[in-house]
Amino acid sequence: MEATLAVIHDDASSSVKTNIFRVVVYLCDVTDSYWAECTELQGCNTSGATLREIALNMYEAVDLCLEDQKTPVCDYILVFDVRDG
């Protein structure tokens, strides 16, 4: 299975440009769950039982990584690339 979807974090009051972050999602055949990593943000990863949970968890993980890097939380689009294994 290969699929791509996008989730938008948009703060209408912000004048900051929108960033696009790529998220690679893997299905673990052994546990039948998912894990994901944001390729542009070092150490930004998460896991979850469903793709919906992955999307929600990654949204939070990106916010935390941007905070840790002292980067203002900005508008962003997460592009998910879902892969088997």
C-alpha atoms as a PDB file:
ATOM      1  CA  MET A   1       0.000   0.000   0.000  1.00  0.00           C
ATOM      2  CA  GLU A   2       1.315   3.439  -0.898  1.00  0.00           C
ATOM      3  CA  ALA A   3      -0.716   6.559  -0.278  1.00  0.00           C
ATOM      4  CA  THR A   4      -0.218  10.253   0.268  1.00  0.00           C
ATOM      5  CA  LEU A   5      -2.389  12.645   2.241  1.00  0.00           C
ATOM      6  CA  ALA A   6      -1.954  16.145   3.594  1.00  0.00           C
ATOM      7  CA  VAL A   7      -3.004  17.696   6.901  1.00  0.00           C
ATOM      8  CA  ILE A   8      -2.965  21.468   7.266  1.00  0.00           C
ATOM      9  CA  HIS A   9      -2.128  23.360  10.449  1.00  0.00           C
ATOM     10  CA  ASP A  10      -3.292  26.868   9.679  1.00  0.00           C
ATOM     11  CA  ASP A  11      -3.355  29.794  12.056  1.00  0.00           C
ATOM     12  CA  ALA A  12      -5.403  32.402  10.187  1.00  0.00           C
ATOM     13  CA  SER A  13      -4.013  35.176  12.383  1.00  0.00           C
ATOM     14  CA  SER A  14      -0.415  34.357  11.447  1.00  0.00           C
ATOM     15  CA  SER A  15       1.576  36.240   8.840  1.00  0.00           C
ATOM     16  CA  VAL A  16       4.283  33.541   8.799  1.00  0.00           C
ATOM     17  CA  LYS A  17       4.757  31.625   5.563  1.00  0.00           C
ATOM     18  CA  THR A  18       3.436  28.074   5.371  1.00  0.00           C
ATOM     19  CA  ASN A  19       6.021  25.293   5.607  1.00  0.00           C
ATOM     20  CA  ILE A  20       5.612  21.821   4.147  1.00  0.00           C
ATOM     21  CA  PHE A  21       6.921  18.874   6.172  1.00  0.00           C
ATOM     22  CA  ARG A  22       7.159  15.378   4.725  1.00  0.00           C
ATOM     23  CA  VAL A  23       6.177  12.519   7.019  1.00  0.00           C
ATOM     24  CA  VAL A  24       7.037   8.936   6.134  1.00  0.00           C
ATOM     25  CA  VAL A  25       4.682   6.404   7.729  1.00  0.00           C
ATOM     26  CA  TYR A  26       5.563   2.726   8.029  1.00  0.00           C
ATOM     27  CA  LEU A  27       3.311  -0.213   8.872  1.00  0.00           C
ATOM     28  CA  CYS A  28       4.939  -2.673  11.273  1.00  0.00           C
ATOM     29  CA  ASP A  29       3.862  -6.143  10.143  1.00  0.00           C
ATOM     30  CA  VAL A  30       4.689  -7.720  13.515  1.00  0.00           C
ATOM     31  CA  THR A  31       2.569  -5.421  15.702  1.00  0.00           C
ATOM     32  CA  ASP A  32       0.116  -4.274  13.008  1.00  0.00           C
ATOM     33  CA  SER A  33       0.688  -0.668  14.099  1.00  0.00           C
ATOM     34  CA  TYR A  34       2.323   2.374  12.522  1.00  0.00           C
ATOM     35  CA  TRP A  35       5.373   4.528  13.185  1.00  0.00           C
ATOM     36  CA  ALA A  36       6.279   7.732  11.431  1.00  0.00           C
ATOM     37  CA  GLU A  37       9.078  10.262  11.114  1.00  0.00           C
ATOM     38  CA  CYS A  38       9.196  13.802   9.822  1.00  0.00           C
ATOM     39  CA  THR A  39      12.155  13.892   7.460  1.00  0.00           C
ATOM     40  CA  GLU A  40      12.821  17.635   7.855  1.00  0.00           C
ATOM     41  CA  LEU A  41      12.863  17.728  11.663  1.00  0.00           C
ATOM     42  CA  GLN A  42      15.560  15.639  13.327  1.00  0.00           C
ATOM     43  CA  GLY A  43      14.174  13.400  16.078  1.00  0.00           C
ATOM     44  CA  CYS A  44      10.554  14.108  15.166  1.00  0.00           C
ATOM     45  CA  ASN A  45       8.780  10.763  15.195  1.00  0.00           C
ATOM     46  CA  THR A  46       5.729   9.050  16.629  1.00  0.00           C
ATOM     47  CA  SER A  47       3.753   5.821  16.608  1.00  0.00           C
ATOM     48  CA  GLY A  48       0.115   4.833  16.702  1.00  0.00           C
ATOM     49  CA  ALA A  49      -2.423   2.097  16.152  1.00  0.00           C
ATOM     50  CA  THR A  50      -4.185   3.840  13.244  1.00  0.00           C
ATOM     51  CA  LEU A  51      -3.368   6.369  10.548  1.00  0.00           C
ATOM     52  CA  ARG A  52      -5.685   8.848  12.263  1.00  0.00           C
ATOM     53  CA  GLU A  53      -3.719   8.444  15.492  1.00  0.00           C
ATOM     54  CA  ILE A  54      -0.449   8.896  13.573  1.00  0.00           C
ATOM     55  CA  ALA A  55      -1.741  12.152  12.052  1.00  0.00           C
ATOM     56  CA  LEU A  56      -2.852  13.519  15.437  1.00  0.00           C
ATOM     57  CA  ASN A  57       0.381  12.440  17.149  1.00  0.00           C
ATOM     58  CA  MET A  58       2.576  13.863  14.382  1.00  0.00           C
ATOM     59  CA  TYR A  59       0.779  17.208  14.555  1.00  0.00           C
ATOM     60  CA  GLU A  60       1.737  17.393  18.236  1.00  0.00           C
ATOM     61  CA  ALA A  61       5.278  16.080  17.623  1.00  0.00           C
ATOM     62  CA  VAL A  62       5.980  18.744  14.972  1.00  0.00           C
ATOM     63  CA  ASP A  63       4.764  21.500  17.303  1.00  0.00           C
ATOM     64  CA  LEU A  64       7.036  20.173  20.082  1.00  0.00           C
ATOM     65  CA  CYS A  65      10.050  19.882  17.765  1.00  0.00           C
ATOM     66  CA  LEU A  66       9.574  23.428  16.502  1.00  0.00           C
ATOM     67  CA  GLU A  67       9.307  24.633  20.112  1.00  0.00           C
ATOM     68  CA  ASP A  68      12.490  22.754  21.076  1.00  0.00           C
ATOM     69  CA  GLN A  69      14.364  24.313  18.160  1.00  0.00           C
ATOM     70  CA  LYS A  70      13.235  27.768  19.311  1.00  0.00           C
ATOM     71  CA  THR A  71      11.399  28.116  16.004  1.00  0.00           C
ATOM     72  CA  PRO A  72       8.082  29.946  16.220  1.00  0.00           C
ATOM     73  CA  VAL A  73       5.249  27.510  15.637  1.00  0.00           C
ATOM     74  CA  CYS A  74       4.201  28.360  12.118  1.00  0.00           C
ATOM     75  CA  ASP A  75       1.540  27.394   9.644  1.00  0.00           C
ATOM     76  CA  TYR A  76       2.440  24.082   8.098  1.00  0.00           C
ATOM     77  CA  ILE A  77       1.225  21.274   5.920  1.00  0.00           C
ATOM     78  CA  LEU A  78       2.083  17.683   6.761  1.00  0.00           C
ATOM     79  CA  VAL A  79       2.379  15.472   3.696  1.00  0.00           C
ATOM     80  CA  PHE A  80       2.127  11.817   4.682  1.00  0.00           C
ATOM     81  CA  ASP A  81       3.797   9.128   2.577  1.00  0.00           C
ATOM     82  CA  VAL A  82       2.412   5.769   3.787  1.00  0.00           C
ATOM     83  CA  ARG A  83       4.547   2.684   3.091  1.00  0.00           C
ATOM     84  CA  ASP A  84       4.404  -1.015   3.865  1.00  0.00           C
ATOM     85  CA  GLY A  85       7.116  -2.493   6.102  1.00  0.00           C
END
